[in-house]
């Protein structure tokens, strides 16, 4: 337990140094790397590593933490906290097991997270045991301690006299130690003392959380590590029920596909369409149908007994219809985006559609009983696509595409400046500067006011080294000549 406690203490203090009253920047990258090093070290030390390949996930985890240093996207900074935690849980599940069943995967993820708090009691019991041992040792050394205390008391006057003489002899020495004692004085002021105590409490809370997590991953008798067959979700649905559902769904998909080919794909005159409603309907249809298809395929494959050829055929047909529905959703969103420009939601739709298109191939092979771990493929594809989304610099992309669209025809095309001002930040400054060359004087004035405001905020904001962010540094350089 000593190594677990040491890692817990180091990480809890490190998080306080890096994040206390500070915006995330390079600090997120440093902390995540430290956490991964500690976690992997403990897993090897306690011989819990069954699958070294699982540590490949440390790469996307590190890359996601690097986005806090490279970009300044508030939305992704919030979402990535959850994604990083999820990827760490997945890495632990795969690292401690050679094989993971789909039915058990999600149960183990929940147990790993929830079991962290269960293991905190083990951490407390272990600490109590260690303190009792220390008490016995302390009794043996009590006489030596009394002697050391006396020596310390006698030494204080001599040290103080020498220290005062040194302070008066050298101004630099006096300034250095004067500042140090000033900081200690500030700590014990009323308001600062309360914050100091709060900070210590948060460090202790994180110590127990980190230590509880490590214990839950490493010990054999925790909820996470216990191989309880009762936790396996047995799925059993009659083959006739599955086949009937797939058949009925495919009939509806067939009708829907005919409508798409006869009205949407072949009809380029879209004046009768309500762009917003049509595009959003297409997207939510896609999500709903994809969910149904995935559930049906899981039921067909995980169900007790061998999958019949008819079920395989119906599943493949469902997959083909899903491709048609994906194309329909893509086409609708493309119409909408050309008419109204680019936003977060519209670009997210493209990434989701692209991800689903890529997933079609492994799902198809899985249905056909090819030797493929569909869970690993899904996690890998979704993780890679999410990394691409993060590193595409989406705010700059949104601004660039909207500015490009505006400059294609400045007389007819409009640009939603209010949306760009509210939903893009320092990542898009370079693209926003291009609008200073617009023909419309009102646009130039509005953009210049926005850029000057951003410049003032950046200049007036003091940042510590923990908050270092390349996007803000680049934005300051871009705005230097705006007057």
Protein backbone atom coordinates (compact mmCIF):
# COMPACT_ATOMS: atom_id res chain seq x y z
CA UNK A 1 0.00 0.00 0.00
CA UNK A 2 2.96 2.32 0.51
CA UNK A 3 3.50 2.84 -3.23
CA UNK A 4 -0.23 3.57 -3.66
CA UNK A 5 -0.13 6.16 -0.88
CA UNK A 6 2.98 7.80 -2.33
CA UNK A 7 1.38 8.09 -5.79
CA UNK A 8 -1.85 9.36 -4.23
CA UNK A 9 -0.03 12.04 -2.22
CA UNK A 10 2.09 13.17 -5.19
CA UNK A 11 -0.90 13.42 -7.54
CA UNK A 12 -3.15 15.18 -5.01
CA UNK A 13 -0.49 17.82 -4.30
CA UNK A 14 0.33 18.11 -8.00
CA UNK A 15 -3.31 18.79 -8.92
CA UNK A 16 -3.40 21.57 -6.33
CA UNK A 17 -0.22 23.16 -7.69
CA UNK A 18 -1.41 22.93 -11.29
CA UNK A 19 -5.12 23.74 -11.05
CA UNK A 20 -5.83 25.74 -7.87
CA UNK A 21 -7.51 29.01 -8.97
CA UNK A 22 -6.07 28.58 -12.47
CA UNK A 23 -7.43 27.96 -15.96
CA UNK A 24 -6.33 24.67 -17.54
CA UNK A 25 -3.44 24.97 -19.97
CA UNK A 26 -0.19 23.07 -20.12
CA UNK A 27 -1.12 21.99 -16.58
CA UNK A 28 -3.66 19.47 -17.93
CA UNK A 29 -1.01 17.80 -20.08
CA UNK A 30 1.49 17.62 -17.20
CA UNK A 31 -1.07 16.19 -14.79
CA UNK A 32 -2.45 13.53 -17.16
CA UNK A 33 1.08 12.35 -18.05
CA UNK A 34 1.93 12.13 -14.33
CA UNK A 35 -1.28 10.22 -13.60
CA UNK A 36 -0.68 7.74 -16.42
CA UNK A 37 2.93 7.17 -15.34
CA UNK A 38 1.79 6.52 -11.76
CA UNK A 39 -1.06 4.23 -12.82
CA UNK A 40 1.02 2.14 -15.25
CA UNK A 41 3.89 1.91 -12.72
CA UNK A 42 1.55 0.62 -10.01
CA UNK A 43 -0.08 -1.90 -12.35
CA UNK A 44 3.31 -3.35 -13.29
CA UNK A 45 4.56 -3.27 -9.71
CA UNK A 46 1.51 -5.20 -8.46
CA UNK A 47 1.61 -7.56 -11.48
CA UNK A 48 -1.87 -6.65 -12.69
CA UNK A 49 -0.97 -6.23 -16.39
CA UNK A 50 -2.53 -8.99 -18.49
CA UNK A 51 -2.70 -7.11 -21.79
CA UNK A 52 0.09 -4.62 -22.58
CA UNK A 53 -1.64 -3.52 -25.79
CA UNK A 54 -4.25 -1.72 -23.68
CA UNK A 55 -1.67 0.96 -22.90
CA UNK A 56 -1.95 2.14 -26.51
CA UNK A 57 -4.92 4.11 -25.18
CA UNK A 58 -2.43 6.22 -23.23
CA UNK A 59 -1.62 7.91 -26.57
CA UNK A 60 -5.11 9.35 -27.25
CA UNK A 61 -5.49 10.19 -23.55
CA UNK A 62 -2.26 12.23 -23.68
CA UNK A 63 -3.22 13.84 -26.99
CA UNK A 64 -6.60 14.93 -25.61
CA UNK A 65 -4.90 16.48 -22.57
CA UNK A 66 -2.56 18.33 -24.95
CA UNK A 67 -5.54 20.14 -26.50
CA UNK A 68 -5.79 22.23 -23.32
CA UNK A 69 -2.30 23.53 -24.15
CA UNK A 70 -2.68 23.88 -27.94
CA UNK A 71 -6.26 25.19 -28.35
CA UNK A 72 -8.65 27.30 -26.30
CA UNK A 73 -12.02 25.67 -26.91
CA UNK A 74 -14.24 25.85 -23.81
CA UNK A 75 -16.70 23.25 -25.13
CA UNK A 76 -14.04 20.61 -25.74
CA UNK A 77 -12.24 21.48 -22.51
CA UNK A 78 -15.43 20.51 -20.67
CA UNK A 79 -16.28 17.40 -22.71
CA UNK A 80 -12.69 16.11 -22.74
CA UNK A 81 -12.66 15.74 -18.95
CA UNK A 82 -15.35 13.06 -19.28
CA UNK A 83 -13.75 11.47 -22.36
CA UNK A 84 -10.32 11.24 -20.70
CA UNK A 85 -11.87 9.60 -17.62
CA UNK A 86 -13.77 7.12 -19.84
CA UNK A 87 -10.63 6.22 -21.80
CA UNK A 88 -8.67 5.67 -18.57
CA UNK A 89 -11.41 3.31 -17.34
CA UNK A 90 -11.39 1.43 -20.67
CA UNK A 91 -7.58 1.17 -20.53
CA UNK A 92 -7.74 -0.31 -17.03
CA UNK A 93 -10.42 -2.83 -18.03
CA UNK A 94 -8.45 -4.09 -21.03
CA UNK A 95 -5.05 -3.98 -19.27
CA UNK A 96 -6.24 -6.25 -16.45
CA UNK A 97 -8.03 -8.76 -18.73
CA UNK A 98 -7.11 -10.73 -21.83
CA UNK A 99 -10.72 -11.00 -22.98
CA UNK A 100 -13.69 -8.72 -22.32
CA UNK A 101 -17.22 -9.72 -23.22
CA UNK A 102 -19.60 -7.09 -24.52
CA UNK A 103 -22.19 -8.05 -21.89
CA UNK A 104 -19.65 -7.44 -19.13
CA UNK A 105 -17.79 -4.43 -20.48
CA UNK A 106 -20.19 -1.71 -19.33
CA UNK A 107 -20.78 -3.42 -15.97
CA UNK A 108 -17.03 -3.45 -15.33
CA UNK A 109 -16.74 0.22 -16.27
CA UNK A 110 -19.39 1.20 -13.73
CA UNK A 111 -17.85 -1.07 -11.09
CA UNK A 112 -14.41 0.44 -11.65
CA UNK A 113 -15.76 3.95 -11.15
CA UNK A 114 -18.15 3.19 -8.28
CA UNK A 115 -15.69 0.81 -6.60
CA UNK A 116 -13.26 3.71 -6.19
CA UNK A 117 -15.42 5.06 -3.38
CA UNK A 118 -15.86 1.56 -1.93
CA UNK A 119 -12.06 1.25 -1.73
CA UNK A 120 -11.65 4.53 0.17
CA UNK A 121 -12.56 2.63 3.35
CA UNK A 122 -9.65 0.24 2.64
CA UNK A 123 -7.35 3.24 2.29
CA UNK A 124 -8.52 4.59 5.67
CA UNK A 125 -8.09 1.20 7.39
CA UNK A 126 -4.58 0.87 6.00
CA UNK A 127 -3.67 4.37 7.18
CA UNK A 128 -4.94 3.60 10.69
CA UNK A 129 -2.82 0.44 10.75
CA UNK A 130 0.28 2.36 9.70
CA UNK A 131 -0.28 5.06 12.33
CA UNK A 132 -0.60 2.41 15.06
CA UNK A 133 2.78 0.99 14.07
CA UNK A 134 4.27 4.45 14.16
CA UNK A 135 2.93 4.99 17.70
CA UNK A 136 4.89 1.96 18.93
CA UNK A 137 8.04 3.26 17.29
CA UNK A 138 7.44 6.73 18.71
CA UNK A 139 7.31 5.39 22.30
CA UNK A 140 10.77 3.91 21.86
CA UNK A 141 12.17 7.18 20.57
CA UNK A 142 10.42 9.54 23.03
CA UNK A 143 13.58 10.15 25.06
CA UNK A 144 15.61 11.02 21.97
CA UNK A 145 12.86 13.39 20.86
CA UNK A 146 12.87 15.23 24.19
CA UNK A 147 16.62 15.68 23.89
CA UNK A 148 16.31 16.93 20.31
CA UNK A 149 13.60 19.41 21.37
CA UNK A 150 15.84 20.82 24.07
CA UNK A 151 18.68 21.22 21.57
CA UNK A 152 16.33 22.98 19.16
CA UNK A 153 15.17 25.45 21.84
CA UNK A 154 18.76 26.26 22.78
CA UNK A 155 19.69 26.76 19.09
CA UNK A 156 16.88 29.22 18.31
CA UNK A 157 18.45 32.35 19.92
CA UNK A 158 21.79 31.76 18.22
CA UNK A 159 20.17 31.19 14.80
CA UNK A 160 17.99 34.30 15.17
CA UNK A 161 20.96 36.52 16.03
CA UNK A 162 22.95 35.25 13.02
CA UNK A 163 19.91 35.57 10.76
CA UNK A 164 19.26 39.20 11.80
CA UNK A 165 22.91 40.09 11.25
CA UNK A 166 22.82 38.55 7.75
CA UNK A 167 19.60 40.45 6.93
CA UNK A 168 21.24 43.74 7.89
CA UNK A 169 24.48 42.90 6.10
CA UNK A 170 23.01 42.16 2.63
CA UNK A 171 19.94 43.80 1.06
CA UNK A 172 19.36 41.01 -1.52
CA UNK A 173 19.40 38.38 1.25
CA UNK A 174 16.96 40.54 3.23
CA UNK A 175 14.58 40.93 0.26
CA UNK A 176 14.52 37.20 -0.52
CA UNK A 177 13.74 36.07 3.01
CA UNK A 178 11.51 39.07 3.64
CA UNK A 179 9.28 37.98 0.74
CA UNK A 180 9.21 34.39 2.02
CA UNK A 181 8.11 35.44 5.51
CA UNK A 182 5.61 37.82 3.93
CA UNK A 183 3.98 34.89 2.13
CA UNK A 184 3.71 32.96 5.41
CA UNK A 185 2.16 36.02 7.05
CA UNK A 186 -0.41 36.27 4.25
CA UNK A 187 -1.40 32.64 4.70
CA UNK A 188 -2.43 33.22 8.30
CA UNK A 189 -4.54 36.27 7.55
CA UNK A 190 -8.25 35.55 8.05
CA UNK A 191 -9.36 35.23 4.41
CA UNK A 192 -6.16 33.58 3.17
CA UNK A 193 -6.16 31.15 6.09
CA UNK A 194 -9.66 29.95 5.20
CA UNK A 195 -8.59 29.39 1.58
CA UNK A 196 -5.45 27.63 2.78
CA UNK A 197 -7.53 25.24 4.91
CA UNK A 198 -9.93 24.67 2.01
CA UNK A 199 -7.02 23.87 -0.27
CA UNK A 200 -5.65 21.34 2.23
CA UNK A 201 -9.09 19.71 2.47
CA UNK A 202 -9.32 19.41 -1.33
CA UNK A 203 -5.84 17.87 -1.44
CA UNK A 204 -6.96 15.28 1.14
CA UNK A 205 -10.16 14.55 -0.82
CA UNK A 206 -8.20 13.97 -4.01
CA UNK A 207 -5.68 11.82 -2.10
CA UNK A 208 -8.46 9.46 -1.03
CA UNK A 209 -10.02 9.45 -4.52
CA UNK A 210 -6.72 8.68 -6.28
CA UNK A 211 -5.69 6.09 -3.67
CA UNK A 212 -9.17 4.49 -3.74
CA UNK A 213 -9.02 4.24 -7.53
CA UNK A 214 -5.57 2.63 -7.47
CA UNK A 215 -6.64 0.17 -4.75
CA UNK A 216 -9.77 -0.75 -6.74
CA UNK A 217 -7.70 -1.46 -9.85
CA UNK A 218 -4.90 -3.34 -8.10
CA UNK A 219 -6.40 -5.41 -5.25
CA UNK A 220 -7.90 -8.83 -5.91
CA UNK A 221 -10.91 -8.61 -3.58
CA UNK A 222 -12.51 -5.39 -4.87
CA UNK A 223 -15.78 -5.07 -6.74
CA UNK A 224 -13.88 -4.39 -9.97
CA UNK A 225 -11.57 -7.40 -9.79
CA UNK A 226 -14.03 -10.00 -8.50
CA UNK A 227 -15.11 -12.31 -11.30
CA UNK A 228 -18.77 -12.70 -10.40
CA UNK A 229 -20.71 -14.59 -13.03
CA UNK A 230 -23.92 -13.06 -11.70
CA UNK A 231 -22.75 -9.74 -13.10
CA UNK A 232 -22.84 -11.09 -16.67
CA UNK A 233 -26.00 -9.96 -18.37
CA UNK A 234 -27.52 -12.94 -20.09
CA UNK A 235 -29.38 -11.93 -23.22
CA UNK A 236 -31.91 -14.37 -24.59
CA UNK A 237 -34.50 -13.42 -27.15
CA UNK A 238 -36.35 -15.89 -29.34
CA UNK A 239 -34.86 -16.16 -32.83
CA UNK A 240 -38.31 -15.74 -34.34
CA UNK A 241 -38.74 -12.44 -32.48
CA UNK A 242 -35.40 -11.11 -33.72
CA UNK A 243 -36.11 -12.20 -37.30
CA UNK A 244 -39.58 -10.67 -37.23
CA UNK A 245 -38.29 -7.32 -35.94
CA UNK A 246 -35.49 -7.22 -38.53
CA UNK A 247 -37.87 -8.15 -41.34
CA UNK A 248 -40.45 -5.48 -40.43
CA UNK A 249 -37.75 -2.85 -40.00
CA UNK A 250 -36.25 -3.67 -43.39
CA UNK A 251 -39.66 -3.25 -45.03
CA UNK A 252 -39.91 0.25 -43.59
CA UNK A 253 -36.31 0.99 -44.52
CA UNK A 254 -37.03 -0.17 -48.08
CA UNK A 255 -39.97 2.25 -48.39
CA UNK A 256 -37.91 5.04 -46.86
CA UNK A 257 -35.04 4.36 -49.29
CA UNK A 258 -37.36 4.53 -52.31
CA UNK A 259 -38.62 7.92 -51.11
CA UNK A 260 -35.04 9.17 -50.75
CA UNK A 261 -34.06 8.14 -54.29
CA UNK A 262 -37.23 9.49 -55.90
CA UNK A 263 -37.55 12.79 -54.03
CA UNK A 264 -34.33 13.82 -52.29
CA UNK A 265 -31.38 12.39 -54.24
CA UNK A 266 -32.94 12.99 -57.66
CA UNK A 267 -34.60 16.34 -56.93
CA UNK A 268 -32.00 19.11 -56.93
CA UNK A 269 -34.62 21.86 -56.68
CA UNK A 270 -34.90 22.26 -52.91
CA UNK A 271 -36.97 25.43 -52.76
CA UNK A 272 -39.89 23.53 -51.24
CA UNK A 273 -37.82 22.20 -48.34
CA UNK A 274 -37.69 23.71 -44.89
CA UNK A 275 -33.91 23.44 -44.50
CA UNK A 276 -33.74 23.60 -40.72
CA UNK A 277 -36.54 21.12 -40.03
CA UNK A 278 -35.52 18.76 -42.81
CA UNK A 279 -31.84 18.58 -41.83
CA UNK A 280 -32.53 18.12 -38.15
CA UNK A 281 -35.16 15.45 -38.85
CA UNK A 282 -32.65 13.59 -40.99
CA UNK A 283 -30.01 13.71 -38.28
CA UNK A 284 -32.27 12.48 -35.50
CA UNK A 285 -33.67 9.77 -37.78
CA UNK A 286 -30.11 8.66 -38.34
CA UNK A 287 -29.36 8.49 -34.61
CA UNK A 288 -32.59 6.68 -33.81
CA UNK A 289 -32.26 4.15 -36.64
CA UNK A 290 -28.58 3.54 -35.87
CA UNK A 291 -29.48 2.81 -32.24
CA UNK A 292 -32.18 0.34 -33.30
CA UNK A 293 -29.82 -1.37 -35.74
CA UNK A 294 -27.03 -1.69 -33.17
CA UNK A 295 -29.42 -3.15 -30.59
CA UNK A 296 -30.78 -5.64 -33.11
CA UNK A 297 -27.28 -6.74 -34.17
CA UNK A 298 -26.16 -7.15 -30.56
CA UNK A 299 -29.26 -9.22 -29.77
CA UNK A 300 -28.70 -11.36 -32.84
CA UNK A 301 -24.98 -11.97 -32.14
CA UNK A 302 -24.90 -12.16 -28.34
CA UNK A 303 -28.13 -14.16 -28.08
CA UNK A 304 -27.82 -17.77 -26.86
CA UNK A 305 -27.32 -20.23 -29.67
CA UNK A 306 -25.91 -19.84 -33.17
CA UNK A 307 -27.13 -17.06 -35.43
CA UNK A 308 -29.12 -18.36 -38.39
CA UNK A 309 -28.37 -17.55 -42.02
CA UNK A 310 -31.70 -15.72 -42.29
CA UNK A 311 -30.78 -13.49 -39.33
CA UNK A 312 -27.38 -12.79 -40.89
CA UNK A 313 -29.03 -11.88 -44.18
CA UNK A 314 -31.57 -9.57 -42.53
CA UNK A 315 -28.81 -7.92 -40.50
CA UNK A 316 -26.74 -7.24 -43.63
CA UNK A 317 -29.80 -5.80 -45.39
CA UNK A 318 -30.41 -3.57 -42.37
CA UNK A 319 -26.79 -2.42 -42.57
CA UNK A 320 -27.18 -1.55 -46.27
CA UNK A 321 -30.33 0.45 -45.56
CA UNK A 322 -28.45 2.23 -42.78
CA UNK A 323 -25.90 3.36 -45.39
CA UNK A 324 -28.71 4.84 -47.50
CA UNK A 325 -30.08 6.65 -44.44
CA UNK A 326 -26.58 7.97 -43.66
CA UNK A 327 -26.32 9.32 -47.21
CA UNK A 328 -29.75 10.93 -46.85
CA UNK A 329 -28.76 12.65 -43.61
CA UNK A 330 -25.45 13.79 -45.15
CA UNK A 331 -27.22 15.21 -48.20
CA UNK A 332 -29.77 17.10 -46.09
CA UNK A 333 -27.13 18.59 -43.85
CA UNK A 334 -25.12 19.62 -46.89
CA UNK A 335 -28.15 21.52 -48.25
CA UNK A 336 -28.69 23.21 -44.91
CA UNK A 337 -25.05 24.17 -44.46
CA UNK A 338 -24.79 25.69 -47.96
CA UNK A 339 -27.85 27.82 -47.30
CA UNK A 340 -27.04 29.03 -43.77
CA UNK A 341 -23.32 28.54 -43.18
CA UNK A 342 -21.33 26.51 -40.67
CA UNK A 343 -21.91 25.99 -36.95
CA UNK A 344 -20.78 23.59 -34.24
CA UNK A 345 -23.85 21.39 -34.66
CA UNK A 346 -23.51 21.11 -38.43
CA UNK A 347 -19.84 20.13 -38.28
CA UNK A 348 -20.55 17.68 -35.47
CA UNK A 349 -23.17 16.06 -37.72
CA UNK A 350 -20.55 15.54 -40.45
CA UNK A 351 -18.14 13.89 -38.01
CA UNK A 352 -20.85 11.62 -36.61
CA UNK A 353 -21.91 10.58 -40.11
CA UNK A 354 -18.30 9.91 -41.12
CA UNK A 355 -17.78 7.81 -37.98
CA UNK A 356 -20.88 5.73 -38.71
CA UNK A 357 -19.79 5.21 -42.32
CA UNK A 358 -16.44 3.84 -41.14
CA UNK A 359 -18.14 1.58 -38.56
CA UNK A 360 -20.27 -0.06 -41.27
CA UNK A 361 -17.37 -2.27 -42.46
CA UNK A 362 -16.35 -3.85 -39.11
CA UNK A 363 -20.01 -4.29 -38.13
CA UNK A 364 -20.65 -6.08 -41.43
CA UNK A 365 -17.64 -8.39 -40.91
CA UNK A 366 -18.79 -9.06 -37.35
CA UNK A 367 -22.26 -10.06 -38.56
CA UNK A 368 -20.67 -12.46 -41.05
CA UNK A 369 -18.83 -14.23 -38.18
CA UNK A 370 -15.39 -12.97 -39.17
CA UNK A 371 -12.85 -13.08 -36.34
CA UNK A 372 -13.14 -9.47 -35.26
CA UNK A 373 -13.49 -7.93 -31.81
CA UNK A 374 -16.26 -5.45 -32.55
CA UNK A 375 -15.92 -3.77 -29.15
CA UNK A 376 -12.23 -2.96 -29.70
CA UNK A 377 -12.87 -1.78 -33.26
CA UNK A 378 -15.71 0.48 -32.14
CA UNK A 379 -13.68 2.00 -29.31
CA UNK A 380 -10.69 2.48 -31.63
CA UNK A 381 -12.64 4.11 -34.49
CA UNK A 382 -14.68 6.38 -32.22
CA UNK A 383 -11.54 7.44 -30.31
CA UNK A 384 -9.59 8.23 -33.50
CA UNK A 385 -12.50 10.21 -34.97
CA UNK A 386 -12.88 12.14 -31.73
CA UNK A 387 -9.15 12.95 -31.75
CA UNK A 388 -9.45 14.20 -35.35
CA UNK A 389 -12.39 16.38 -34.29
CA UNK A 390 -10.35 17.86 -31.42
CA UNK A 391 -7.27 18.56 -33.53
CA UNK A 392 -9.21 19.94 -36.49
CA UNK A 393 -9.32 23.26 -34.60
CA UNK A 394 -13.08 23.43 -35.03
CA UNK A 395 -13.48 27.11 -34.12
CA UNK A 396 -10.96 28.12 -36.75
CA UNK A 397 -12.65 25.75 -39.22
CA UNK A 398 -16.08 27.27 -38.57
CA UNK A 399 -14.74 30.79 -39.01
CA UNK A 400 -12.73 29.89 -42.13
CA UNK A 401 -15.63 28.22 -43.91
CA UNK A 402 -18.05 31.03 -43.08
CA UNK A 403 -15.56 33.67 -44.20
CA UNK A 404 -14.78 31.73 -47.41
CA UNK A 405 -18.49 31.40 -48.12
CA UNK A 406 -19.00 35.14 -47.58
CA UNK A 407 -16.11 36.17 -49.85
CA UNK A 408 -17.39 33.89 -52.65
CA UNK A 409 -20.23 36.37 -53.20
CA UNK A 410 -20.22 39.37 -50.87
CA UNK A 411 -23.28 40.89 -52.53
CA UNK A 412 -25.58 37.90 -51.95
CA UNK A 413 -24.10 35.82 -49.12
CA UNK A 414 -24.57 36.92 -45.54
CA UNK A 415 -22.32 36.14 -42.60
CA UNK A 416 -23.59 35.61 -39.07
CA UNK A 417 -21.14 37.77 -37.15
CA UNK A 418 -23.06 37.46 -33.90
CA UNK A 419 -22.67 33.66 -33.95
CA UNK A 420 -18.95 33.92 -34.72
CA UNK A 421 -18.39 36.49 -31.98
CA UNK A 422 -20.21 34.37 -29.39
CA UNK A 423 -19.04 30.86 -30.34
CA UNK A 424 -15.44 31.32 -31.46
CA UNK A 425 -12.47 32.59 -29.51
CA UNK A 426 -8.71 32.93 -29.81
CA UNK A 427 -8.51 29.85 -32.07
CA UNK A 428 -10.36 31.77 -34.81
CA UNK A 429 -8.66 35.19 -34.54
CA UNK A 430 -6.58 34.66 -37.71
CA UNK A 431 -9.69 33.91 -39.77
CA UNK A 432 -11.69 36.78 -38.26
CA UNK A 433 -8.95 39.24 -39.31
CA UNK A 434 -9.68 38.39 -42.94
CA UNK A 435 -13.06 40.14 -42.62
CA UNK A 436 -11.24 43.47 -42.25
CA UNK A 437 -10.95 43.31 -46.06
CA UNK A 438 -14.73 43.03 -46.57
CA UNK A 439 -16.49 45.52 -48.84
CA UNK A 440 -19.25 46.16 -46.28
CA UNK A 441 -17.99 48.91 -43.97
CA UNK A 442 -20.37 47.84 -41.20
CA UNK A 443 -18.81 44.38 -41.13
CA UNK A 444 -15.31 45.88 -40.98
CA UNK A 445 -16.28 48.15 -38.07
CA UNK A 446 -17.98 45.33 -36.13
CA UNK A 447 -15.05 42.95 -36.62
CA UNK A 448 -12.51 45.61 -35.65
CA UNK A 449 -14.42 46.35 -32.44
CA UNK A 450 -14.51 42.63 -31.64
CA UNK A 451 -10.78 42.20 -32.30
CA UNK A 452 -9.89 45.23 -30.17
CA UNK A 453 -12.00 43.86 -27.33
CA UNK A 454 -10.24 40.48 -27.59
CA UNK A 455 -6.87 42.26 -27.65
CA UNK A 456 -7.71 44.24 -24.52
CA UNK A 457 -8.89 41.12 -22.66
CA UNK A 458 -5.72 39.22 -23.55
CA UNK A 459 -3.46 42.10 -22.56
CA UNK A 460 -5.25 42.66 -19.24
CA UNK A 461 -5.31 38.98 -18.28
CA UNK A 462 -2.36 37.80 -16.20
CA UNK A 463 -1.59 34.12 -16.72
CA UNK A 464 0.67 31.82 -14.73
CA UNK A 465 2.94 29.22 -16.29
CA UNK A 466 0.34 26.55 -15.49
CA UNK A 467 -2.15 28.36 -17.77
CA UNK A 468 0.21 28.58 -20.75
CA UNK A 469 -1.84 28.22 -23.93
CA UNK A 470 -0.44 28.35 -27.46
CA UNK A 471 -3.72 29.61 -28.93
CA UNK A 472 -3.69 32.69 -26.68
CA UNK A 473 -0.01 33.36 -27.41
CA UNK A 474 -0.66 33.17 -31.17
CA UNK A 475 -3.77 35.38 -30.83
CA UNK A 476 -1.73 38.08 -29.03
CA UNK A 477 0.71 38.09 -31.96
CA UNK A 478 -2.15 38.26 -34.49
CA UNK A 479 -3.76 41.20 -32.66
CA UNK A 480 -0.55 43.14 -32.08
CA UNK A 481 -1.05 45.40 -35.12
CA UNK A 482 -4.81 45.98 -34.61
CA UNK A 483 -5.25 49.60 -33.48
